[in-house]
Amino acid sequence: MATLLEKIVDERVGQTLVGTVSVAVDRIAEEIAREALGDETFRRALRELVRVRSQKLLDQLLENGRGNRRPSKRPVKRQ
């Protein structure tokens, strides 16, 4: 059974390690993204995907604004 001090140390070490590794992963992901964006074919494909998805989201927003709401999946709270 770990002492209270050991538990505190384990928790802080874990948080610090996760934070540091997360920063490293973010940096690597940014580097890979920059390399990928350097490829013109990838950039065109990504731009088209973003355009199509943005249009779909806009269409959904406009539908909801006209009152064509989809039924909510969450139960209605009654008081």
PDB file of N, CA and C in Angstrom:
ATOM      1  N   MET A   1       0.851  -1.187   0.000  1.00  0.00           N
ATOM      2  CA  MET A   1       0.000   0.000   0.000  1.00  0.00           C
ATOM      3  C   MET A   1       0.889   1.240   0.000  1.00  0.00           C
ATOM      4  N   ALA A   2       0.659   2.121  -0.952  1.00  0.00           N
ATOM      5  CA  ALA A   2       1.469   3.324  -1.087  1.00  0.00           C
ATOM      6  C   ALA A   2       1.112   4.324   0.011  1.00  0.00           C
ATOM      7  N   THR A   3       2.122   5.045   0.445  1.00  0.00           N
ATOM      8  CA  THR A   3       1.890   6.092   1.438  1.00  0.00           C
ATOM      9  C   THR A   3       1.237   7.285   0.756  1.00  0.00           C
ATOM     10  N   LEU A   4       0.714   8.194   1.538  1.00  0.00           N
ATOM     11  CA  LEU A   4       0.105   9.405   0.993  1.00  0.00           C
ATOM     12  C   LEU A   4       1.129  10.180   0.174  1.00  0.00           C
ATOM     13  N   LEU A   5       2.366  10.269   0.675  1.00  0.00           N
ATOM     14  CA  LEU A   5       3.419  10.976  -0.040  1.00  0.00           C
ATOM     15  C   LEU A   5       3.701  10.308  -1.393  1.00  0.00           C
ATOM     16  N   GLU A   6       3.752   8.979  -1.399  1.00  0.00           N
ATOM     17  CA  GLU A   6       3.992   8.263  -2.660  1.00  0.00           C
ATOM     18  C   GLU A   6       2.855   8.496  -3.652  1.00  0.00           C
ATOM     19  N   LYS A   7       1.639   8.528  -3.159  1.00  0.00           N
ATOM     20  CA  LYS A   7       0.500   8.792  -4.034  1.00  0.00           C
ATOM     21  C   LYS A   7       0.587  10.193  -4.642  1.00  0.00           C
ATOM     22  N   ILE A   8       0.958  11.167  -3.807  1.00  0.00           N
ATOM     23  CA  ILE A   8       1.095  12.548  -4.290  1.00  0.00           C
ATOM     24  C   ILE A   8       2.200  12.625  -5.344  1.00  0.00           C
ATOM     25  N   VAL A   9       3.323  11.990  -5.071  1.00  0.00           N
ATOM     26  CA  VAL A   9       4.446  12.003  -6.013  1.00  0.00           C
ATOM     27  C   VAL A   9       4.034  11.319  -7.316  1.00  0.00           C
ATOM     28  N   ASP A  10       3.395  10.167  -7.225  1.00  0.00           N
ATOM     29  CA  ASP A  10       2.953   9.459  -8.434  1.00  0.00           C
ATOM     30  C   ASP A  10       2.019  10.330  -9.275  1.00  0.00           C
ATOM     31  N   GLU A  11       1.084  10.996  -8.617  1.00  0.00           N
ATOM     32  CA  GLU A  11       0.131  11.831  -9.334  1.00  0.00           C
ATOM     33  C   GLU A  11       0.833  12.986 -10.043  1.00  0.00           C
ATOM     34  N   ARG A  12       1.712  13.675  -9.338  1.00  0.00           N
ATOM     35  CA  ARG A  12       2.404  14.826  -9.933  1.00  0.00           C
ATOM     36  C   ARG A  12       3.350  14.393 -11.045  1.00  0.00           C
ATOM     37  N   VAL A  13       4.072  13.299 -10.839  1.00  0.00           N
ATOM     38  CA  VAL A  13       4.976  12.807 -11.877  1.00  0.00           C
ATOM     39  C   VAL A  13       4.166  12.420 -13.118  1.00  0.00           C
ATOM     40  N   GLY A  14       3.046  11.749 -12.901  1.00  0.00           N
ATOM     41  CA  GLY A  14       2.195  11.362 -14.026  1.00  0.00           C
ATOM     42  C   GLY A  14       1.681  12.562 -14.786  1.00  0.00           C
ATOM     43  N   GLN A  15       1.209  13.581 -14.074  1.00  0.00           N
ATOM     44  CA  GLN A  15       0.697  14.783 -14.727  1.00  0.00           C
ATOM     45  C   GLN A  15       1.796  15.494 -15.514  1.00  0.00           C
ATOM     46  N   THR A  16       2.979  15.583 -14.925  1.00  0.00           N
ATOM     47  CA  THR A  16       4.096  16.248 -15.590  1.00  0.00           C
ATOM     48  C   THR A  16       4.527  15.478 -16.829  1.00  0.00           C
ATOM     49  N   LEU A  17       4.613  14.156 -16.699  1.00  0.00           N
ATOM     50  CA  LEU A  17       5.016  13.325 -17.830  1.00  0.00           C
ATOM     51  C   LEU A  17       4.006  13.429 -18.971  1.00  0.00           C
ATOM     52  N   VAL A  18       2.735  13.342 -18.649  1.00  0.00           N
ATOM     53  CA  VAL A  18       1.699  13.438 -19.672  1.00  0.00           C
ATOM     54  C   VAL A  18       1.749  14.816 -20.343  1.00  0.00           C
ATOM     55  N   GLY A  19       1.909  15.856 -19.564  1.00  0.00           N
ATOM     56  CA  GLY A  19       1.978  17.207 -20.122  1.00  0.00           C
ATOM     57  C   GLY A  19       3.165  17.372 -21.060  1.00  0.00           C
ATOM     58  N   THR A  20       4.313  16.874 -20.641  1.00  0.00           N
ATOM     59  CA  THR A  20       5.521  16.997 -21.461  1.00  0.00           C
ATOM     60  C   THR A  20       5.408  16.190 -22.740  1.00  0.00           C
ATOM     61  N   VAL A  21       4.899  14.970 -22.649  1.00  0.00           N
ATOM     62  CA  VAL A  21       4.730  14.133 -23.833  1.00  0.00           C
ATOM     63  C   VAL A  21       3.694  14.765 -24.765  1.00  0.00           C
ATOM     64  N   SER A  22       2.631  15.336 -24.218  1.00  0.00           N
ATOM     65  CA  SER A  22       1.612  15.990 -25.038  1.00  0.00           C
ATOM     66  C   SER A  22       2.211  17.132 -25.855  1.00  0.00           C
ATOM     67  N   VAL A  23       3.081  17.921 -25.238  1.00  0.00           N
ATOM     68  CA  VAL A  23       3.732  19.023 -25.951  1.00  0.00           C
ATOM     69  C   VAL A  23       4.584  18.472 -27.088  1.00  0.00           C
ATOM     70  N   ALA A  24       5.322  17.401 -26.828  1.00  0.00           N
ATOM     71  CA  ALA A  24       6.164  16.798 -27.864  1.00  0.00           C
ATOM     72  C   ALA A  24       5.312  16.260 -29.010  1.00  0.00           C
ATOM     73  N   VAL A  25       4.207  15.618 -28.687  1.00  0.00           N
ATOM     74  CA  VAL A  25       3.313  15.079 -29.722  1.00  0.00           C
ATOM     75  C   VAL A  25       2.740  16.224 -30.560  1.00  0.00           C
ATOM     76  N   ASP A  26       2.343  17.315 -29.912  1.00  0.00           N
ATOM     77  CA  ASP A  26       1.828  18.477 -30.643  1.00  0.00           C
ATOM     78  C   ASP A  26       2.864  19.009 -31.626  1.00  0.00           C
ATOM     79  N   ARG A  27       4.104  19.110 -31.185  1.00  0.00           N
ATOM     80  CA  ARG A  27       5.169  19.620 -32.064  1.00  0.00           C
ATOM     81  C   ARG A  27       5.394  18.704 -33.258  1.00  0.00           C
ATOM     82  N   ILE A  28       5.409  17.415 -33.011  1.00  0.00           N
ATOM     83  CA  ILE A  28       5.605  16.453 -34.106  1.00  0.00           C
ATOM     84  C   ILE A  28       4.432  16.520 -35.077  1.00  0.00           C
ATOM     85  N   ALA A  29       3.212  16.607 -34.556  1.00  0.00           N
ATOM     86  CA  ALA A  29       2.027  16.692 -35.414  1.00  0.00           C
ATOM     87  C   ALA A  29       2.068  17.964 -36.267  1.00  0.00           C
ATOM     88  N   GLU A  30       2.495  19.074 -35.687  1.00  0.00           N
ATOM     89  CA  GLU A  30       2.609  20.316 -36.450  1.00  0.00           C
ATOM     90  C   GLU A  30       3.647  20.182 -37.559  1.00  0.00           C
ATOM     91  N   GLU A  31       4.751  19.523 -37.252  1.00  0.00           N
ATOM     92  CA  GLU A  31       5.796  19.315 -38.257  1.00  0.00           C
ATOM     93  C   GLU A  31       5.274  18.461 -39.417  1.00  0.00           C
ATOM     94  N   ILE A  32       4.578  17.393 -39.088  1.00  0.00           N
ATOM     95  CA  ILE A  32       4.010  16.521 -40.122  1.00  0.00           C
ATOM     96  C   ILE A  32       2.973  17.284 -40.943  1.00  0.00           C
ATOM     97  N   ALA A  33       2.148  18.087 -40.279  1.00  0.00           N
ATOM     98  CA  ALA A  33       1.139  18.866 -40.996  1.00  0.00           C
ATOM     99  C   ALA A  33       1.797  19.845 -41.962  1.00  0.00           C
ATOM    100  N   ARG A  34       2.864  20.519 -41.529  1.00  0.00           N
ATOM    101  CA  ARG A  34       3.566  21.444 -42.423  1.00  0.00           C
ATOM    102  C   ARG A  34       4.126  20.707 -43.635  1.00  0.00           C
ATOM    103  N   GLU A  35       4.699  19.527 -43.410  1.00  0.00           N
ATOM    104  CA  GLU A  35       5.226  18.732 -44.524  1.00  0.00           C
ATOM    105  C   GLU A  35       4.098  18.321 -45.478  1.00  0.00           C
ATOM    106  N   ALA A  36       2.981  17.887 -44.912  1.00  0.00           N
ATOM    107  CA  ALA A  36       1.847  17.458 -45.743  1.00  0.00           C
ATOM    108  C   ALA A  36       1.302  18.630 -46.551  1.00  0.00           C
ATOM    109  N   LEU A  37       1.222  19.795 -45.935  1.00  0.00           N
ATOM    110  CA  LEU A  37       0.697  20.966 -46.633  1.00  0.00           C
ATOM    111  C   LEU A  37       1.637  21.448 -47.726  1.00  0.00           C
ATOM    112  N   GLY A  38       2.878  21.011 -47.684  1.00  0.00           N
ATOM    113  CA  GLY A  38       3.823  21.334 -48.744  1.00  0.00           C
ATOM    114  C   GLY A  38       3.541  20.564 -50.025  1.00  0.00           C
ATOM    115  N   ASP A  39       2.758  19.512 -49.930  1.00  0.00           N
ATOM    116  CA  ASP A  39       2.393  18.699 -51.085  1.00  0.00           C
ATOM    117  C   ASP A  39       1.137  19.304 -51.720  1.00  0.00           C
ATOM    118  N   GLU A  40       1.279  19.822 -52.938  1.00  0.00           N
ATOM    119  CA  GLU A  40       0.172  20.522 -53.592  1.00  0.00           C
ATOM    120  C   GLU A  40      -1.050  19.633 -53.805  1.00  0.00           C
ATOM    121  N   THR A  41      -0.845  18.360 -54.112  1.00  0.00           N
ATOM    122  CA  THR A  41      -1.968  17.434 -54.300  1.00  0.00           C
ATOM    123  C   THR A  41      -2.750  17.281 -53.000  1.00  0.00           C
ATOM    124  N   PHE A  42      -2.032  17.128 -51.900  1.00  0.00           N
ATOM    125  CA  PHE A  42      -2.682  17.012 -50.597  1.00  0.00           C
ATOM    126  C   PHE A  42      -3.441  18.294 -50.261  1.00  0.00           C
ATOM    127  N   ARG A  43      -2.807  19.437 -50.527  1.00  0.00           N
ATOM    128  CA  ARG A  43      -3.462  20.723 -50.234  1.00  0.00           C
ATOM    129  C   ARG A  43      -4.766  20.862 -51.003  1.00  0.00           C
ATOM    130  N   ARG A  44      -4.757  20.501 -52.289  1.00  0.00           N
ATOM    131  CA  ARG A  44      -5.985  20.592 -53.091  1.00  0.00           C
ATOM    132  C   ARG A  44      -7.061  19.660 -52.547  1.00  0.00           C
ATOM    133  N   ALA A  45      -6.673  18.432 -52.201  1.00  0.00           N
ATOM    134  CA  ALA A  45      -7.644  17.466 -51.672  1.00  0.00           C
ATOM    135  C   ALA A  45      -8.206  17.944 -50.336  1.00  0.00           C
ATOM    136  N   LEU A  46      -7.344  18.475 -49.482  1.00  0.00           N
ATOM    137  CA  LEU A  46      -7.784  18.977 -48.173  1.00  0.00           C
ATOM    138  C   LEU A  46      -8.712  20.174 -48.349  1.00  0.00           C
ATOM    139  N   ARG A  47      -8.355  21.083 -49.244  1.00  0.00           N
ATOM    140  CA  ARG A  47      -9.192  22.257 -49.494  1.00  0.00           C
ATOM    141  C   ARG A  47     -10.582  21.833 -49.975  1.00  0.00           C
ATOM    142  N   GLU A  48     -10.639  20.856 -50.873  1.00  0.00           N
ATOM    143  CA  GLU A  48     -11.925  20.380 -51.388  1.00  0.00           C
ATOM    144  C   GLU A  48     -12.746  19.716 -50.285  1.00  0.00           C
ATOM    145  N   LEU A  49     -12.096  18.910 -49.462  1.00  0.00           N
ATOM    146  CA  LEU A  49     -12.796  18.263 -48.353  1.00  0.00           C
ATOM    147  C   LEU A  49     -13.376  19.304 -47.399  1.00  0.00           C
ATOM    148  N   VAL A  50     -12.588  20.305 -47.056  1.00  0.00           N
ATOM    149  CA  VAL A  50     -13.061  21.359 -46.147  1.00  0.00           C
ATOM    150  C   VAL A  50     -14.215  22.128 -46.793  1.00  0.00           C
ATOM    151  N   ARG A  51     -14.114  22.404 -48.104  1.00  0.00           N
ATOM    152  CA  ARG A  51     -15.177  23.124 -48.796  1.00  0.00           C
ATOM    153  C   ARG A  51     -16.481  22.329 -48.758  1.00  0.00           C
ATOM    154  N   VAL A  52     -16.412  21.037 -49.072  1.00  0.00           N
ATOM    155  CA  VAL A  52     -17.607  20.185 -49.091  1.00  0.00           C
ATOM    156  C   VAL A  52     -18.218  20.080 -47.699  1.00  0.00           C
ATOM    157  N   ARG A  53     -17.401  19.843 -46.696  1.00  0.00           N
ATOM    158  CA  ARG A  53     -17.927  19.701 -45.330  1.00  0.00           C
ATOM    159  C   ARG A  53     -18.503  21.023 -44.826  1.00  0.00           C
ATOM    160  N   SER A  54     -17.851  22.134 -45.165  1.00  0.00           N
ATOM    161  CA  SER A  54     -18.358  23.442 -44.749  1.00  0.00           C
ATOM    162  C   SER A  54     -19.716  23.712 -45.373  1.00  0.00           C
ATOM    163  N   GLN A  55     -19.863  23.379 -46.658  1.00  0.00           N
ATOM    164  CA  GLN A  55     -21.151  23.580 -47.332  1.00  0.00           C
ATOM    165  C   GLN A  55     -22.242  22.725 -46.686  1.00  0.00           C
ATOM    166  N   LYS A  56     -21.901  21.484 -46.340  1.00  0.00           N
ATOM    167  CA  LYS A  56     -22.880  20.601 -45.699  1.00  0.00           C
ATOM    168  C   LYS A  56     -23.320  21.173 -44.349  1.00  0.00           C
ATOM    169  N   LEU A  57     -22.361  21.662 -43.564  1.00  0.00           N
ATOM    170  CA  LEU A  57     -22.706  22.251 -42.268  1.00  0.00           C
ATOM    171  C   LEU A  57     -23.559  23.503 -42.435  1.00  0.00           C
ATOM    172  N   LEU A  58     -23.210  24.325 -43.409  1.00  0.00           N
ATOM    173  CA  LEU A  58     -24.000  25.525 -43.676  1.00  0.00           C
ATOM    174  C   LEU A  58     -25.426  25.155 -44.062  1.00  0.00           C
ATOM    175  N   ASP A  59     -25.570  24.165 -44.932  1.00  0.00           N
ATOM    176  CA  ASP A  59     -26.910  23.702 -45.325  1.00  0.00           C
ATOM    177  C   ASP A  59     -27.709  23.238 -44.109  1.00  0.00           C
ATOM    178  N   GLN A  60     -27.062  22.510 -43.209  1.00  0.00           N
ATOM    179  CA  GLN A  60     -27.752  22.038 -42.005  1.00  0.00           C
ATOM    180  C   GLN A  60     -28.174  23.208 -41.124  1.00  0.00           C
ATOM    181  N   LEU A  61     -27.312  24.205 -41.001  1.00  0.00           N
ATOM    182  CA  LEU A  61     -27.654  25.381 -40.197  1.00  0.00           C
ATOM    183  C   LEU A  61     -28.844  26.110 -40.802  1.00  0.00           C
ATOM    184  N   LEU A  62     -28.848  26.247 -42.107  1.00  0.00           N
ATOM    185  CA  LEU A  62     -29.959  26.929 -42.764  1.00  0.00           C
ATOM    186  C   LEU A  62     -31.255  26.136 -42.627  1.00  0.00           C
ATOM    187  N   GLU A  63     -31.193  24.823 -42.707  1.00  0.00           N
ATOM    188  CA  GLU A  63     -32.377  23.987 -42.508  1.00  0.00           C
ATOM    189  C   GLU A  63     -32.940  24.190 -41.113  1.00  0.00           C
ATOM    190  N   ASN A  64     -32.092  24.187 -40.113  1.00  0.00           N
ATOM    191  CA  ASN A  64     -32.543  24.363 -38.730  1.00  0.00           C
ATOM    192  C   ASN A  64     -33.146  25.743 -38.516  1.00  0.00           C
ATOM    193  N   GLY A  65     -32.646  26.731 -39.235  1.00  0.00           N
ATOM    194  CA  GLY A  65     -33.172  28.084 -39.113  1.00  0.00           C
ATOM    195  C   GLY A  65     -34.564  28.233 -39.696  1.00  0.00           C
ATOM    196  N   ARG A  66     -34.938  27.344 -40.603  1.00  0.00           N
ATOM    197  CA  ARG A  66     -36.275  27.380 -41.213  1.00  0.00           C
ATOM    198  C   ARG A  66     -37.293  26.594 -40.404  1.00  0.00           C
ATOM    199  N   GLY A  67     -36.884  26.066 -39.278  1.00  0.00           N
ATOM    200  CA  GLY A  67     -37.811  25.315 -38.448  1.00  0.00           C
ATOM    201  C   GLY A  67     -37.872  23.842 -38.797  1.00  0.00           C
ATOM    202  N   ASN A  68     -37.032  23.396 -39.694  1.00  0.00           N
ATOM    203  CA  ASN A  68     -36.988  21.977 -40.047  1.00  0.00           C
ATOM    204  C   ASN A  68     -36.074  21.259 -39.056  1.00  0.00           C
ATOM    205  N   ARG A  69     -36.489  21.244 -37.826  1.00  0.00           N
ATOM    206  CA  ARG A  69     -35.646  20.667 -36.789  1.00  0.00           C
ATOM    207  C   ARG A  69     -35.765  19.162 -36.748  1.00  0.00           C
ATOM    208  N   ARG A  70     -34.649  18.554 -36.454  1.00  0.00           N
ATOM    209  CA  ARG A  70     -34.654  17.110 -36.220  1.00  0.00           C
ATOM    210  C   ARG A  70     -35.089  16.882 -34.786  1.00  0.00           C
ATOM    211  N   PRO A  71     -35.753  15.783 -34.513  1.00  0.00           N
ATOM    212  CA  PRO A  71     -36.155  15.519 -33.126  1.00  0.00           C
ATOM    213  C   PRO A  71     -34.933  15.363 -32.235  1.00  0.00           C
ATOM    214  N   SER A  72     -35.032  15.910 -31.058  1.00  0.00           N
ATOM    215  CA  SER A  72     -33.932  15.823 -30.108  1.00  0.00           C
ATOM    216  C   SER A  72     -33.797  14.401 -29.586  1.00  0.00           C
ATOM    217  N   LYS A  73     -32.569  13.969 -29.408  1.00  0.00           N
ATOM    218  CA  LYS A  73     -32.328  12.636 -28.866  1.00  0.00           C
ATOM    219  C   LYS A  73     -32.343  12.654 -27.343  1.00  0.00           C
ATOM    220  N   ARG A  74     -32.258  13.871 -26.777  1.00  0.00           N
ATOM    221  CA  ARG A  74     -32.261  13.976 -25.326  1.00  0.00           C
ATOM    222  C   ARG A  74     -33.694  14.074 -24.820  1.00  0.00           C
ATOM    223  N   PRO A  75     -33.959  13.410 -23.690  1.00  0.00           N
ATOM    224  CA  PRO A  75     -35.329  13.480 -23.155  1.00  0.00           C
ATOM    225  C   PRO A  75     -35.662  14.902 -22.718  1.00  0.00           C
ATOM    226  N   VAL A  76     -36.918  15.285 -22.920  1.00  0.00           N
ATOM    227  CA  VAL A  76     -37.380  16.607 -22.545  1.00  0.00           C
ATOM    228  C   VAL A  76     -37.642  16.617 -21.051  1.00  0.00           C
ATOM    229  N   LYS A  77     -37.114  17.637 -20.377  1.00  0.00           N
ATOM    230  CA  LYS A  77     -37.284  17.767 -18.933  1.00  0.00           C
ATOM    231  C   LYS A  77     -38.572  18.539 -18.668  1.00  0.00           C
ATOM    232  N   ARG A  78     -39.454  17.959 -17.915  1.00  0.00           N
ATOM    233  CA  ARG A  78     -40.719  18.615 -17.587  1.00  0.00           C
ATOM    234  C   ARG A  78     -40.742  18.929 -16.105  1.00  0.00           C
ATOM    235  N   GLN A  79     -41.260  20.108 -15.805  1.00  0.00           N
ATOM    236  CA  GLN A  79     -41.315  20.511 -14.391  1.00  0.00           C
ATOM    237  C   GLN A  79     -42.735  20.543 -13.897  1.00  0.00           C
TER     238      GLN A  79
END
